[in-house]
Amino acid sequence: TFLLGTMLGGYSINSLIDLLDIDETAETACKALSHSILIYEAYQSVLDKSAHNAYAKKIVDSWASAEWFTSKEPLPESINAVVFRVDGETNTDDLSPATEAWSRPDIPLHAQAMLVKKMDKPLETIEKLKEKGLPLAYVGDVVGTGSSRKSAINSVLWHMGESIDYIPNKNTGGIVLGGKIAPIFFNTAEDSGALPIECDVSKLKMGDEITIHPFQGIITNSSGETISTFDLTPSTMPDEVRAGGRIPLIIGRGLTDKTRTELGLEVSDVFLRPVDPKNSS
C-alpha cells in the first residue's frame, strides 16, 4: 500500500481507493491519497465514498486544507550556494548536445555530456565545487537560448539539483541565475521545481560563496555585501518551488480549489495567487 502511494497518482489511485475499505490498509491508503494530486476521474469516487467512509472523508478534508502542499518545506528566506559560472551565452545544445541525443532518456548518462564542448573539464569543476558542502547555483550571462529541449534543464539539475524520493535518475530543485534566461528555458526550470532568477551576475565569480535572499530580492557575498538585486517573478515562484514545480502547483491548487467549492468553503488563502500585471500597479 505504501509503495502505491509513492507513484503519486495515475494507475495507483483506483487501487488505493479500494484499499480504503480494508481495515489493515485503510490508514496507509488514506495518507497516500491525501498527498496525491494526480487524481483525475477518480476524484468523484473519493468524494462519493466520503459520505460513508471516514478515511475517504479525511482525504477530502486534506485536499481542502492543501496538506499535499503545506507538508512540503517552504522556500527558505535565505539560500547559501556556491557559484558555478559559465561566461557568455549558454545554449541548450551546450547543456544537452544534439550529438548525444540518443542518451537523453537516460538523464544521468546524458548529463555526462553537459558543457563538455563549452568549457574545460566542467564536470570535474562541478565535483570540486561540491566539496564546499553547499548546493551549486548555475550562473551565466545568458542562459538557455536555442531549441526548447527539456533535457537541458534535466542535465543541469542532475548535477546541481536534489534527488526525488522513489523517483530514480531524476532531480528537482536547483538554482539558475542569469543576466538573461531564455523564456522557454525559464519555464522548463519552473516546471522542474528549480529557482530561476534573472539578475546582474557580473559580480558572481566561479567558486564564490553567496547567499540568495528570495523575498528581499538580493544576493550577498560571504562578507554580507549586496552584489546583485532582482525581482522574484512570477509572483507564484515561492509556491512553485515548494510544490516541486509549476505544473504540480497548478494541478494541486486546482484540486484544492475544486474540493473547497464542493464543500462550500471559501477559496484557500494558503497559496500565492497569480497577479495580472495589468492590474498590479
Protein backbone atom coordinates (compact mmCIF):
# COMPACT_ATOMS: atom_id res chain seq x y z
CA THR A 1 0.00 0.00 0.00
CA PHE A 2 2.81 2.39 0.89
CA LEU A 3 4.58 1.79 -2.42
CA LEU A 4 1.37 2.51 -4.34
CA GLY A 5 1.37 5.91 -2.66
CA THR A 6 4.86 6.70 -3.94
CA MET A 7 3.53 6.56 -7.52
CA LEU A 8 1.93 9.99 -6.86
CA GLY A 9 -1.24 9.17 -8.77
CA GLY A 10 -2.42 7.77 -12.07
CA TYR A 11 -2.81 3.99 -12.22
CA SER A 12 -2.36 3.56 -8.47
CA ILE A 13 -5.36 5.69 -7.48
CA ASN A 14 -8.21 3.21 -8.03
CA SER A 15 -6.35 0.51 -6.11
CA LEU A 16 -5.73 2.89 -3.21
CA ILE A 17 -9.42 3.85 -3.15
CA ASP A 18 -10.36 0.15 -2.89
CA LEU A 19 -7.88 -0.27 -0.03
CA LEU A 20 -9.80 2.33 2.00
CA ASP A 21 -12.39 -0.39 2.65
CA ILE A 22 -9.89 -2.79 4.24
CA ASP A 23 -9.06 -2.16 7.89
CA GLU A 24 -5.44 -3.27 7.58
CA THR A 25 -4.67 -0.92 4.68
CA ALA A 26 -7.13 1.95 5.07
CA GLU A 27 -4.92 4.27 7.11
CA THR A 28 -1.90 3.93 4.82
CA ALA A 29 -4.08 4.35 1.72
CA CYS A 30 -5.66 7.42 3.30
CA LYS A 31 -2.28 9.04 3.88
CA ALA A 32 -1.16 8.22 0.34
CA LEU A 33 -4.27 9.65 -1.30
CA SER A 34 -4.18 12.75 0.90
CA HIS A 35 -0.83 13.66 -0.63
CA SER A 36 -1.64 12.60 -4.19
CA ILE A 37 -2.73 15.24 -6.68
CA LEU A 38 -2.90 13.27 -9.94
CA ILE A 39 -6.44 12.14 -9.16
CA TYR A 40 -8.32 12.99 -12.37
CA GLU A 41 -11.55 10.99 -12.93
CA ALA A 42 -11.20 9.20 -9.58
CA TYR A 43 -11.99 12.45 -7.76
CA GLN A 44 -15.73 11.79 -7.77
CA SER A 45 -15.20 8.26 -6.46
CA VAL A 46 -13.39 9.59 -3.39
CA LEU A 47 -16.00 12.30 -2.90
CA ASP A 48 -18.86 9.78 -3.06
CA LYS A 49 -17.08 7.38 -0.71
CA SER A 50 -16.51 10.18 1.82
CA ALA A 51 -20.24 10.11 2.63
CA HIS A 52 -19.87 6.73 4.37
CA ASN A 53 -16.13 6.09 4.77
CA ALA A 54 -14.26 8.02 7.47
CA TYR A 55 -10.91 7.62 5.73
CA ALA A 56 -12.27 8.99 2.46
CA LYS A 57 -13.66 11.94 4.43
CA LYS A 58 -10.18 12.57 5.84
CA ILE A 59 -8.80 12.62 2.30
CA VAL A 60 -11.36 15.15 1.11
CA ASP A 61 -10.67 17.36 4.14
CA SER A 62 -6.94 17.03 3.49
CA TRP A 63 -7.31 18.13 -0.13
CA ALA A 64 -9.41 21.08 1.00
CA SER A 65 -6.72 22.06 3.51
CA ALA A 66 -3.98 21.66 0.87
CA GLU A 67 -1.98 19.32 3.11
CA TRP A 68 -0.28 17.95 -0.02
CA PHE A 69 1.28 21.44 -0.24
CA THR A 70 1.68 22.56 3.38
CA SER A 71 3.50 19.34 4.26
CA LYS A 72 6.36 20.43 1.99
CA GLU A 73 9.17 22.76 3.06
CA PRO A 74 8.58 26.40 2.02
CA LEU A 75 11.10 28.37 0.02
CA PRO A 76 13.74 29.48 2.57
CA GLU A 77 14.27 33.12 3.48
CA SER A 78 17.92 32.68 2.51
CA ILE A 79 19.82 30.10 0.47
CA ASN A 80 23.57 29.59 0.70
CA ALA A 81 25.17 28.39 -2.51
CA VAL A 82 28.41 28.15 -4.46
CA VAL A 83 28.67 29.75 -7.89
CA PHE A 84 29.28 27.55 -10.91
CA ARG A 85 29.76 30.16 -13.60
CA VAL A 86 29.72 29.80 -17.37
CA ASP A 87 30.78 33.02 -19.06
CA GLY A 88 28.94 34.35 -22.08
CA GLU A 89 25.96 32.60 -23.62
CA THR A 90 24.98 29.03 -22.83
CA ASN A 91 22.53 27.49 -25.28
CA THR A 92 20.57 24.30 -24.82
CA ASP A 93 22.91 22.42 -27.15
CA ASP A 94 25.76 23.18 -24.75
CA LEU A 95 23.73 21.62 -21.95
CA SER A 96 22.20 18.80 -24.00
CA PRO A 97 24.25 18.20 -27.16
CA ALA A 98 22.35 17.05 -30.23
CA THR A 99 25.23 14.67 -30.97
CA GLU A 100 24.31 12.84 -27.75
CA ALA A 101 20.54 12.90 -28.35
CA TRP A 102 20.40 9.09 -28.24
CA SER A 103 21.09 9.17 -24.49
CA ARG A 104 18.52 11.81 -23.48
CA PRO A 105 16.04 9.31 -21.97
CA ASP A 106 18.83 8.26 -19.56
CA ILE A 107 19.28 11.51 -17.62
CA PRO A 108 22.38 10.53 -15.57
CA LEU A 109 24.15 9.25 -18.68
CA HIS A 110 23.17 12.17 -20.89
CA ALA A 111 24.22 14.66 -18.20
CA GLN A 112 27.81 13.49 -18.61
CA ALA A 113 27.90 15.42 -21.89
CA MET A 114 26.86 18.74 -20.33
CA LEU A 115 29.17 21.61 -21.29
CA VAL A 116 31.99 19.31 -22.43
CA LYS A 117 32.30 21.28 -25.68
CA LYS A 118 31.78 24.63 -23.98
CA MET A 119 34.46 24.69 -21.29
CA ASP A 120 37.43 22.76 -19.98
CA LYS A 121 36.63 19.93 -17.53
CA PRO A 122 33.16 21.17 -16.47
CA LEU A 123 32.14 18.00 -14.63
CA GLU A 124 35.40 17.86 -12.69
CA THR A 125 34.88 21.51 -11.71
CA ILE A 126 31.36 20.74 -10.50
CA GLU A 127 32.58 17.89 -8.31
CA LYS A 128 35.37 20.06 -6.90
CA LEU A 129 32.95 22.86 -6.00
CA LYS A 130 30.62 20.37 -4.30
CA GLU A 131 33.39 19.69 -1.79
CA LYS A 132 32.47 23.01 -0.17
CA GLY A 133 29.34 21.32 1.11
CA LEU A 134 26.84 23.78 -0.35
CA PRO A 135 24.42 23.49 -3.27
CA LEU A 136 25.66 24.87 -6.57
CA ALA A 137 24.00 27.72 -8.44
CA TYR A 138 24.30 27.65 -12.21
CA VAL A 139 25.31 31.19 -13.21
CA GLY A 140 25.64 32.61 -16.71
CA ASP A 141 25.42 35.87 -18.60
CA VAL A 142 22.82 34.42 -20.99
CA VAL A 143 21.34 31.01 -20.22
CA GLY A 144 19.20 28.55 -22.15
CA THR A 145 18.91 30.01 -25.63
CA GLY A 146 18.28 27.73 -28.59
CA SER A 147 15.80 24.92 -29.00
CA SER A 148 13.28 24.07 -26.30
CA ARG A 149 14.73 20.78 -25.07
CA LYS A 150 13.71 19.67 -21.58
CA SER A 151 16.86 17.57 -21.47
CA ALA A 152 18.89 20.76 -20.98
CA ILE A 153 17.41 21.57 -17.57
CA ASN A 154 17.43 17.85 -16.74
CA SER A 155 21.21 17.83 -17.12
CA VAL A 156 21.68 20.95 -15.01
CA LEU A 157 19.52 19.54 -12.23
CA TRP A 158 21.21 16.16 -12.35
CA HIS A 159 24.45 17.85 -11.34
CA MET A 160 23.03 20.65 -9.16
CA GLY A 161 19.55 19.62 -8.04
CA GLU A 162 18.12 17.38 -5.34
CA SER A 163 17.01 13.77 -5.57
CA ILE A 164 13.30 12.91 -5.56
CA ASP A 165 12.14 10.18 -3.19
CA TYR A 166 11.12 7.00 -5.03
CA ILE A 167 11.81 8.54 -8.46
CA PRO A 168 15.24 7.36 -9.62
CA ASN A 169 17.51 9.09 -12.13
CA LYS A 170 15.77 12.45 -11.99
CA ASN A 171 16.29 15.52 -9.81
CA THR A 172 14.32 18.60 -8.82
CA GLY A 173 15.21 21.91 -7.17
CA GLY A 174 18.38 23.67 -8.21
CA ILE A 175 19.18 27.34 -8.79
CA VAL A 176 19.75 29.16 -12.09
CA LEU A 177 20.98 32.76 -12.08
CA GLY A 178 21.27 34.55 -15.39
CA GLY A 179 21.70 38.06 -16.68
CA LYS A 180 19.14 36.85 -19.18
CA ILE A 181 17.37 33.49 -19.10
CA ALA A 182 15.65 32.39 -22.31
CA PRO A 183 11.87 32.29 -21.71
CA ILE A 184 11.33 28.64 -22.61
CA PHE A 185 14.32 27.52 -20.53
CA PHE A 186 12.99 29.65 -17.66
CA ASN A 187 9.64 27.85 -17.97
CA THR A 188 11.18 24.37 -18.03
CA ALA A 189 13.20 25.29 -14.95
CA GLU A 190 9.96 26.35 -13.22
CA ASP A 191 8.26 23.11 -14.24
CA SER A 192 11.16 21.12 -12.79
CA GLY A 193 10.97 22.76 -9.37
CA ALA A 194 14.08 24.89 -9.88
CA LEU A 195 14.52 28.51 -8.82
CA PRO A 196 15.37 30.59 -11.93
CA ILE A 197 16.27 34.23 -11.29
CA GLU A 198 17.23 36.94 -13.76
CA CYS A 199 19.73 39.33 -12.20
CA ASP A 200 23.05 41.10 -12.74
CA VAL A 201 25.68 38.36 -12.49
CA SER A 202 28.74 40.49 -13.20
CA LYS A 203 29.99 40.24 -9.60
CA LEU A 204 29.41 36.49 -9.29
CA LYS A 205 32.60 34.55 -9.94
CA MET A 206 33.33 30.83 -10.18
CA GLY A 207 33.56 29.30 -6.71
CA ASP A 208 32.15 32.29 -4.83
CA GLU A 209 30.03 31.50 -1.80
CA ILE A 210 26.85 33.56 -1.97
CA THR A 211 23.56 33.91 -0.14
CA ILE A 212 20.36 34.36 -2.12
CA HIS A 213 17.54 36.16 -0.31
CA PRO A 214 14.49 35.35 -2.48
CA PHE A 215 11.98 37.53 -0.66
CA GLN A 216 14.29 40.51 -0.22
CA GLY A 217 15.42 40.28 -3.82
CA ILE A 218 19.14 40.50 -3.08
CA ILE A 219 22.24 38.34 -3.38
CA THR A 220 25.03 38.87 -0.87
CA ASN A 221 28.64 37.67 -0.80
CA SER A 222 30.45 35.95 2.06
CA SER A 223 31.08 39.36 3.66
CA GLY A 224 27.38 40.20 3.65
CA GLU A 225 27.69 42.82 0.92
CA THR A 226 24.91 43.07 -1.66
CA ILE A 227 26.32 42.12 -5.05
CA SER A 228 23.10 41.81 -7.05
CA THR A 229 19.40 42.61 -6.83
CA PHE A 230 16.37 41.11 -8.54
CA ASP A 231 12.60 40.90 -8.64
CA LEU A 232 11.34 37.39 -7.91
CA THR A 233 8.96 36.62 -10.75
CA PRO A 234 6.38 35.33 -11.32
CA SER A 235 4.62 36.19 -8.06
CA THR A 236 3.84 32.49 -7.54
CA MET A 237 7.50 31.40 -7.69
CA PRO A 238 7.78 30.59 -3.94
CA ASP A 239 4.79 28.26 -4.25
CA GLU A 240 6.14 26.69 -7.44
CA VAL A 241 9.40 25.77 -5.72
CA ARG A 242 7.57 24.47 -2.65
CA ALA A 243 5.21 22.33 -4.73
CA GLY A 244 8.07 20.81 -6.72
CA GLY A 245 7.33 22.72 -9.91
CA ARG A 246 4.86 24.95 -11.68
CA ILE A 247 2.79 22.07 -13.10
CA PRO A 248 2.36 20.25 -9.75
CA LEU A 249 1.31 23.58 -8.24
CA ILE A 250 -1.31 24.22 -10.91
CA ILE A 251 -2.72 20.69 -10.63
CA GLY A 252 -2.66 20.55 -6.84
CA ARG A 253 -4.05 24.04 -6.37
CA GLY A 254 -6.85 23.14 -8.77
CA LEU A 255 -7.63 20.03 -6.72
CA THR A 256 -7.80 22.07 -3.52
CA ASP A 257 -9.96 24.77 -5.11
CA LYS A 258 -12.34 22.20 -6.60
CA THR A 259 -12.69 20.39 -3.28
CA ARG A 260 -13.36 23.58 -1.34
CA THR A 261 -16.03 24.54 -3.86
CA GLU A 262 -17.68 21.13 -3.40
CA LEU A 263 -17.65 21.62 0.38
CA GLY A 264 -18.99 25.16 0.18
CA LEU A 265 -15.80 26.68 1.57
CA GLU A 266 -14.13 29.94 0.63
CA VAL A 267 -11.11 29.99 -1.66
CA SER A 268 -7.98 28.86 0.18
CA ASP A 269 -5.58 31.55 1.34
CA VAL A 270 -2.70 29.07 1.54
CA PHE A 271 -1.49 29.85 -1.97
CA LEU A 272 0.02 32.90 -3.60
CA ARG A 273 -2.39 33.65 -6.42
CA PRO A 274 -1.24 34.74 -9.90
CA VAL A 275 -1.20 38.51 -10.33
CA ASP A 276 -2.34 40.11 -13.57
CA PRO A 277 0.47 42.55 -14.46
CA LYS A 278 -2.12 44.94 -15.90
CA ASN A 279 -3.81 45.23 -12.51
CA SER A 280 -0.76 45.03 -10.25
CA SER A 281 0.07 48.72 -10.12
